[in-house]
Protein backbone atom coordinates (compact mmCIF):
# COMPACT_ATOMS: atom_id res chain seq x y z
CA MET A 1 74.95 25.81 59.88
CA HIS A 2 73.56 25.20 56.69
CA LYS A 3 72.17 27.41 54.10
CA PHE A 4 68.89 27.26 55.15
CA THR A 5 68.93 28.22 58.87
CA PRO A 6 66.22 29.98 59.87
CA ILE A 7 66.30 34.20 59.28
CA ASN A 8 64.37 35.81 62.71
CA LEU A 9 61.63 38.07 60.58
CA GLU A 10 59.48 38.04 63.33
CA PRO A 11 57.92 42.04 63.35
CA VAL A 12 59.76 44.43 65.29
CA PRO A 13 58.17 45.76 68.69
CA ARG A 14 56.95 49.05 68.22
CA ASN A 15 58.10 50.07 71.57
CA GLY A 16 61.47 49.08 71.08
CA PRO A 17 64.37 49.34 68.69
CA VAL A 18 65.62 46.12 66.91
CA PRO A 19 67.01 43.68 68.82
CA SER A 20 70.03 42.34 66.95
CA ASP A 21 69.88 39.19 65.72
CA THR A 22 73.10 37.05 66.52
CA LYS A 23 72.21 33.79 64.93
CA ARG A 24 73.64 34.42 61.53
CA PRO A 25 75.05 37.77 60.66
CA ASP A 26 73.91 39.30 57.21
CA ILE A 27 76.70 40.24 54.63
CA GLY A 28 77.64 43.48 54.14
CA ILE A 29 76.86 45.27 57.09
CA PHE A 30 76.79 49.16 56.73
CA HIS A 31 75.94 52.85 57.65
CA VAL A 32 72.71 53.80 56.94
CA ALA A 33 72.09 57.34 55.50
CA ASP A 34 72.64 60.20 58.35
CA ASP A 35 68.87 61.11 58.20
CA ALA A 36 67.72 57.61 57.99
CA ILE A 37 64.27 57.30 60.10
CA THR A 38 64.98 53.52 60.74
CA ASN A 39 66.96 51.81 63.75
CA ALA A 40 68.23 48.69 61.21
CA SER A 41 71.90 47.97 60.55
CA THR A 42 71.26 44.44 58.79
CA ASP A 43 68.53 43.04 55.89
CA SER A 44 66.85 41.28 57.57
CA GLU A 45 66.36 43.76 60.59
CA ILE A 46 65.03 46.32 57.99
CA ALA A 47 62.55 43.06 56.34
CA ARG A 48 61.47 43.34 60.47
CA GLU A 49 60.33 46.33 60.63
CA PHE A 50 58.36 46.81 56.90
CA ILE A 51 57.07 43.17 58.31
CA ALA A 52 55.78 45.03 61.38
CA HIS A 53 55.16 48.62 59.55
CA GLY A 54 52.01 46.54 57.49
CA GLU A 55 49.77 45.97 60.07
CA LEU A 56 48.96 42.87 58.31
CA SER A 57 46.85 39.54 59.42
CA GLU A 58 48.49 36.72 60.85
CA LYS A 59 48.14 34.82 57.56
CA SER A 60 49.77 37.55 55.16
CA ILE A 61 52.51 38.19 58.23
CA ALA A 62 53.71 34.72 57.57
CA ASN A 63 53.13 35.03 53.74
CA THR A 64 55.44 38.08 53.68
CA GLN A 65 58.22 36.45 56.47
CA LYS A 66 57.91 33.17 53.58
CA GLU A 67 58.83 35.26 50.64
CA LEU A 68 61.56 37.45 52.39
CA PHE A 69 62.70 34.56 53.44
CA ARG A 70 63.31 33.27 50.23
CA PHE A 71 64.86 36.65 49.26
CA LEU A 72 67.23 36.88 51.39
CA THR A 73 68.34 33.25 51.64
CA TRP A 74 69.00 34.07 47.72
CA CYS A 75 70.91 37.09 48.48
CA ARG A 76 73.20 35.95 51.04
CA GLU A 77 73.76 32.13 48.94
CA GLU A 78 73.44 32.98 45.61
CA ALA A 79 74.16 36.57 44.90
CA GLY A 80 76.46 37.01 47.94
CA ARG A 81 74.87 40.58 47.82
CA SER A 82 73.60 42.63 51.05
CA PHE A 83 70.43 45.04 49.62
CA HIS A 84 72.51 48.05 49.13
CA GLN A 85 74.82 45.94 46.17
CA LEU A 86 72.19 45.07 44.60
CA SER A 87 71.17 46.07 41.01
CA VAL A 88 68.77 45.86 38.46
CA ALA A 89 70.00 42.41 36.92
CA ASP A 90 70.20 41.05 39.91
CA LEU A 91 66.72 41.53 40.45
CA ASN A 92 65.78 40.20 37.61
CA LEU A 93 67.59 37.09 37.53
CA TYR A 94 65.77 36.60 40.95
CA LYS A 95 63.05 36.50 39.42
CA GLU A 96 64.14 33.88 36.54
CA PHE A 97 65.15 31.73 39.54
CA LEU A 98 61.89 31.49 41.21
CA LYS A 99 60.42 30.05 37.76
CA ASN A 100 62.65 27.18 38.64
CA PRO A 101 65.01 26.80 41.93
CA PRO A 102 67.57 24.63 41.76
CA PRO A 103 67.29 20.81 43.52
CA ASP A 104 69.11 21.95 46.72
CA TRP A 105 66.43 24.86 47.15
CA VAL A 106 63.94 22.00 46.81
CA ALA A 107 61.89 19.65 48.77
CA THR A 108 57.76 17.99 48.42
CA THR A 109 57.52 17.42 52.27
CA LYS A 110 56.79 20.90 54.03
CA TRP A 111 59.36 20.50 57.21
CA PRO A 112 59.31 22.69 59.73
CA ARG A 113 61.75 26.02 59.39
CA SER A 114 63.39 24.31 62.18
CA ASP A 115 64.31 21.33 60.58
CA PRO A 116 67.55 20.22 58.70
CA ARG A 117 65.51 19.50 56.16
CA TYR A 118 63.66 22.51 55.27
CA ARG A 119 63.69 24.11 52.16
CA PRO A 120 62.24 27.29 50.34
CA PHE A 121 60.10 25.66 47.51
CA THR A 122 58.02 22.43 46.74
CA GLY A 123 59.17 23.06 43.76
CA PRO A 124 58.83 25.77 40.42
CA LEU A 125 56.44 29.03 41.25
CA SER A 126 53.54 29.85 38.62
CA ASP A 127 53.98 33.12 37.07
CA ALA A 128 51.13 34.94 39.44
CA SER A 129 53.23 33.26 42.51
CA ARG A 130 56.02 34.54 41.36
CA ARG A 131 54.02 37.84 40.90
CA GLN A 132 53.35 38.14 44.32
CA ALA A 133 56.78 37.00 45.25
CA MET A 134 58.19 40.34 43.90
CA ILE A 135 55.34 42.13 44.85
CA ALA A 136 56.33 41.54 48.81
CA VAL A 137 60.50 41.57 47.50
CA LYS A 138 59.30 45.74 45.58
CA GLY A 139 57.39 46.67 48.80
CA LEU A 140 60.37 45.62 51.19
CA LEU A 141 63.39 47.67 49.04
CA ALA A 142 60.47 50.38 48.36
CA PHE A 143 60.35 50.85 52.34
CA ALA A 144 64.32 50.34 52.41
CA GLU A 145 64.63 53.21 51.05
CA GLN A 146 61.87 55.41 52.14
CA THR A 147 63.45 55.17 55.64
CA GLY A 148 67.10 55.67 54.10
CA TYR A 149 68.07 52.33 54.98
CA MET A 150 69.01 52.19 50.90
CA ARG A 151 70.08 55.39 49.18
CA ARG A 152 68.70 54.02 45.98
CA ASN A 153 66.07 51.19 45.09
CA PRO A 154 66.43 49.05 41.76
CA ALA A 155 63.41 47.78 42.16
CA ARG A 156 61.74 50.60 40.52
CA LEU A 157 63.17 49.52 37.67
CA VAL A 158 62.14 46.23 37.57
CA LYS A 159 58.70 45.24 35.74
CA ASN A 160 56.57 43.33 37.23
CA VAL A 161 56.24 39.32 36.57
CA LYS A 162 52.90 39.30 33.99
CA ALA A 163 50.63 36.40 34.44
CA PRO A 164 49.02 35.64 31.48
CA GLY A 165 44.95 34.58 31.52
CA ALA A 166 44.34 31.47 32.02
CA SER A 167 42.20 29.54 30.07
CA ARG A 168 38.13 29.78 31.06
CA ILE A 169 37.60 27.20 34.35
CA THR A 170 34.31 26.50 35.69
CA ARG A 171 35.86 26.17 38.90
CA TYR A 172 32.96 23.66 40.44
CA LEU A 173 32.73 19.93 41.10
CA THR A 174 29.70 18.56 40.51
CA PRO A 175 27.68 16.51 42.86
CA HIS A 176 29.23 13.45 41.24
CA ALA A 177 32.58 14.94 41.08
CA ILE A 178 32.56 15.27 45.00
CA ALA A 179 30.90 11.86 45.49
CA LEU A 180 33.69 10.10 44.01
CA ALA A 181 36.00 12.17 46.11
CA LEU A 182 34.39 11.07 49.44
CA ALA A 183 34.09 7.62 48.47
CA THR A 184 37.85 7.47 47.32
CA VAL A 185 39.09 8.66 50.51
CA SER A 186 36.83 6.92 52.28
CA ALA A 187 38.19 3.46 50.80
CA ARG A 188 42.18 4.91 51.78
CA ALA A 189 43.72 2.29 53.30
CA ALA A 190 44.98 2.27 56.33
CA THR A 191 47.27 0.39 57.86
CA THR A 192 48.67 2.50 60.53
CA LEU A 193 47.46 4.87 63.48
CA SER A 194 48.69 7.55 61.26
CA SER A 195 47.36 6.64 58.41
CA PHE A 196 44.14 5.84 59.87
CA ARG A 197 44.17 9.09 61.43
CA GLN A 198 45.08 11.01 57.67
CA ARG A 199 42.24 9.29 56.23
CA GLU A 200 39.95 10.17 58.91
CA ARG A 201 40.96 14.20 59.07
CA ASP A 202 41.07 14.54 55.40
CA ARG A 203 37.68 12.98 55.12
CA PHE A 204 36.31 15.47 57.53
CA LEU A 205 38.45 18.05 55.85
CA LEU A 206 36.23 17.38 52.42
CA VAL A 207 32.99 17.38 53.95
CA ALA A 208 33.36 20.08 56.24
CA PHE A 209 34.49 22.66 52.82
CA THR A 210 31.80 20.84 50.76
CA HIS A 211 28.84 21.74 53.08
CA THR A 212 29.98 24.74 54.92
CA GLY A 213 31.69 26.72 51.85
CA ALA A 214 34.29 28.40 54.16
CA ARG A 215 37.38 29.56 53.27
CA LEU A 216 40.61 27.39 53.76
CA ASN A 217 42.24 29.57 56.38
CA GLU A 218 38.72 29.92 57.93
CA ILE A 219 38.52 25.67 59.10
CA VAL A 220 41.98 25.90 59.61
CA SER A 221 42.27 28.09 62.13
CA ALA A 222 39.06 27.07 63.89
CA SER A 223 39.01 25.49 67.23
CA MET A 224 37.01 22.23 68.00
CA GLY A 225 35.13 23.89 70.29
CA ALA A 226 33.82 25.65 67.36
CA ILE A 227 31.29 23.25 66.46
CA TYR A 228 28.78 23.08 69.40
CA THR A 229 24.68 23.33 69.27
CA GLU A 230 22.57 25.17 71.61
CA GLY A 231 20.47 22.66 72.87
CA ASN A 232 17.97 22.84 69.91
CA ALA A 233 19.05 20.30 67.18
CA ARG A 234 21.01 22.99 65.25
CA TRP A 235 24.39 22.27 64.91
CA TRP A 236 26.79 25.67 64.39
CA LEU A 237 30.61 26.17 62.79
CA ASP A 238 32.39 29.52 64.44
CA VAL A 239 35.00 30.51 62.02
CA MET A 240 36.25 34.15 61.57
CA GLY A 241 36.33 35.51 58.56
CA LYS A 242 37.87 37.98 56.58
CA GLY A 243 38.33 41.47 58.30
CA ASN A 244 38.49 39.77 61.72
CA LYS A 245 34.06 39.26 61.03
CA PRO A 246 32.73 36.43 63.22
CA ARG A 247 30.20 34.22 61.21
CA ARG A 248 28.84 30.92 61.81
CA LEU A 249 27.82 27.99 59.16
CA PRO A 250 25.19 25.30 59.76
CA VAL A 251 26.56 22.05 59.88
CA PRO A 252 24.52 19.25 58.52
CA PRO A 253 24.44 15.67 59.94
CA GLU A 254 26.81 14.15 57.31
CA MET A 255 29.20 16.94 58.51
CA LEU A 256 28.61 16.04 62.57
CA ALA A 257 29.01 12.13 61.68
CA ALA A 258 32.48 12.87 59.52
CA PHE A 259 33.23 14.96 62.79
CA ARG A 260 32.54 12.71 65.26
CA ASP A 261 34.86 9.81 63.15
CA TYR A 262 37.87 11.80 63.07
CA ARG A 263 37.61 12.55 66.93
CA HIS A 264 37.30 9.08 67.46
CA ALA A 265 40.88 8.50 65.07
CA PHE A 266 42.85 10.69 67.07
CA GLY A 267 41.08 9.11 70.61
CA LEU A 268 39.15 11.93 71.49
CA LEU A 269 35.66 11.77 72.42
CA PRO A 270 32.75 12.34 69.92
CA GLN A 271 32.32 15.71 70.90
CA THR A 272 33.66 18.59 72.90
CA HIS A 273 32.39 21.66 74.75
CA ARG A 274 32.49 25.44 73.29
CA GLY A 275 35.92 26.22 75.17
CA ASP A 276 37.75 23.23 73.67
CA SER A 277 40.44 25.56 72.00
CA THR A 278 42.30 22.31 70.40
CA PRO A 279 42.99 22.97 66.77
CA LEU A 280 40.22 21.67 64.66
CA VAL A 281 42.59 20.41 61.65
CA LEU A 282 45.24 18.37 63.81
CA SER A 283 48.42 16.61 62.45
CA SER A 284 48.12 13.25 62.02
CA ARG A 285 52.01 13.12 62.35
CA SER A 286 52.37 14.53 65.63
CA ILE A 287 52.47 12.85 69.27
CA GLU A 288 50.95 17.04 70.12
CA ARG A 289 47.75 17.91 69.27
CA VAL A 290 49.28 20.32 66.58
CA ARG A 291 47.12 22.10 64.15
CA ILE A 292 48.47 21.95 60.34
CA THR A 293 48.85 24.67 58.19
CA ASP A 294 46.82 25.91 55.33
CA GLU A 295 48.69 24.76 52.50
CA ALA A 296 48.83 21.14 54.34
CA ALA A 297 45.42 21.43 54.04
CA ALA A 298 45.61 22.29 50.88
CA GLN A 299 47.51 19.83 49.49
CA ALA A 300 45.91 16.99 51.41
CA LEU A 301 43.19 17.65 49.28
CA LYS A 302 44.64 18.39 46.26
CA ALA A 303 45.57 14.38 46.89
CA VAL A 304 42.16 13.20 47.36
CA PHE A 305 41.07 15.81 44.43
CA GLY A 306 43.89 13.45 42.72
CA ALA A 307 43.28 9.89 44.02
CA ALA A 308 39.46 10.85 42.48
CA ALA A 309 40.26 11.71 39.32
CA SER A 310 42.70 8.62 38.71
CA ALA A 311 39.44 6.47 39.87
CA ALA A 312 37.49 8.38 37.17
CA ALA A 313 39.97 8.15 34.34
CA ALA A 314 39.91 4.13 35.42
CA GLN A 315 36.25 4.08 35.17
CA GLY A 316 36.16 6.26 31.36
CA ASP A 317 34.97 9.12 32.79
CA THR A 318 37.67 11.33 31.31
CA GLU A 319 36.18 14.74 31.59
CA THR A 320 35.38 14.25 35.52
CA ALA A 321 39.02 13.28 35.98
CA ALA A 322 40.14 16.07 34.12
CA VAL A 323 38.08 18.61 36.34
CA LEU A 324 39.13 16.64 39.44
CA ARG A 325 42.92 17.24 38.44
CA GLN A 326 42.58 21.25 38.36
CA ALA A 327 40.46 21.39 41.71
CA SER A 328 41.49 23.10 44.94
CA PRO A 329 40.09 23.65 47.97
CA HIS A 330 38.49 26.85 47.32
CA TRP A 331 36.23 24.55 44.16
CA LEU A 332 34.13 23.20 47.46
CA ARG A 333 33.25 27.40 48.24
CA HIS A 334 32.14 27.40 44.86
CA SER A 335 30.38 23.95 44.34
CA MET A 336 28.47 24.63 47.75
CA LEU A 337 26.94 28.05 46.64
CA THR A 338 26.09 27.18 43.08
CA ASN A 339 24.74 24.04 44.70
CA HIS A 340 22.41 26.08 46.72
CA ALA A 341 21.62 28.40 44.28
CA ASN A 342 20.44 25.71 42.30
CA ASN A 343 18.50 24.04 45.04
CA GLY A 344 16.67 27.70 45.25
CA VAL A 345 18.09 28.84 48.62
CA GLN A 346 18.00 32.53 48.85
CA LEU A 347 20.53 34.84 47.95
CA LYS A 348 20.58 36.76 51.01
CA THR A 349 20.96 33.63 52.69
CA LEU A 350 24.13 32.60 50.89
CA GLN A 351 25.48 36.11 51.58
CA ASP A 352 25.61 35.52 55.31
CA THR A 353 26.98 32.07 54.38
CA ALA A 354 29.85 32.73 52.76
CA GLY A 355 30.98 36.48 54.43
CA HIS A 356 30.49 38.62 51.37
CA ALA A 357 30.37 41.90 52.39
CA ASN A 358 28.23 42.67 48.98
CA ILE A 359 25.54 40.97 47.26
CA ALA A 360 26.78 41.14 44.36
CA THR A 361 29.47 38.89 44.97
CA THR A 362 27.61 36.47 46.00
CA ALA A 363 25.49 36.76 42.69
CA ALA A 364 28.46 36.50 40.81
CA TYR A 365 29.29 32.65 42.45
CA LEU A 366 26.15 32.03 41.13
CA HIS A 367 25.58 30.17 38.06
CA LYS A 368 23.82 27.64 36.04
CA THR A 369 26.52 24.46 34.85
CA ASP A 370 27.40 24.60 31.42
CA ASN A 371 25.68 21.51 30.35
CA GLU A 372 22.46 22.63 32.02
CA ARG A 373 22.96 26.07 30.15
CA HIS A 374 23.56 24.17 26.98
CA ASP A 375 20.29 22.05 27.19
CA GLU A 376 18.27 25.05 28.21
CA ILE A 377 18.97 27.06 24.86
CA ILE A 378 19.08 23.86 22.94
CA ALA A 379 15.54 23.18 24.24
CA SER A 380 14.48 26.84 23.57
CA VAL A 381 15.80 26.69 19.65
CA ASN A 382 14.23 23.08 19.42
CA GLY A 383 10.74 24.00 20.71
CA ARG A 384 11.24 27.49 18.70
CA GLY A 385 12.72 25.79 15.12
CA ALA A 386 15.92 27.26 13.67
CA VAL A 387 16.40 30.70 12.85
């Protein structure tokens, strides 16, 4: 077995004891405190109890499993220690490890965890990502101490990673930048069936996020049947938002056309029925109709933005190129809200579309672009004369 063999981190069922994970034993199995309130006897078992204890959403569970797999594997393969042997110095070393994982821990392709080519990282973690990773680790070790699995918790003395304040960015793509991204992905060469499917899927993703302002997971977790009409020439996309709150978003003709082109590329009929549970965002590589992950969808759009940035630079538009290089899928949500606000759409309409519980959250998205603010202020100064 290679050192990145999967570790069972499925949440422990609440109606029974922790089943032993016999695939690969943990190091340092030991007896917990006499008054312990846990059935766990290995590090991976206490991790499973911790994940189950949190009552997390499906997405949060996946993120926690990812972080704890990294930590458990590091403890076993790099530190050679079990949890009860860890010191403050060890945990500080792990913080530094996250900053620049060794090459054999890194793969640029996100392989499934069951694949021998899988690696826990795609590159160094940013300070913000390291902070989140250590929050998961410290939460686990605190839980282990509270349940009696550990007699002491060195994480209490480990400082949180300080994420430096980022320089101000607009997090906004102009209609010109979005149009350039759309033109770039539409012109992408597709010489194989897989590349043809990938192009049409990525084009649909770009159009869908641009027009709906949905969050990344809301579209990735949806099904094909979530795009539908009730027979009145209005098309909708049903999504499940934060707090498991359902919402339906208007689907404009351009998005519907991209959806049909995308389905055609995968050999599907132009439209489907509301009961169709086929994943909305499909893998272009798999023969089966498999849903891609949030991370894969984000990387697909980042690649689109990167290609568009190169196109903008080739045209001499260095400003647009710089913005596109920074862009992420969430920028499309911000851009959609800003563009509709500038077109006079009411704040309440935008609140319902965005799925914000508080209208003040929606208002925070609404702003004029820096260029517009600059021009209005300068025009006002010129009209009144300099003071």
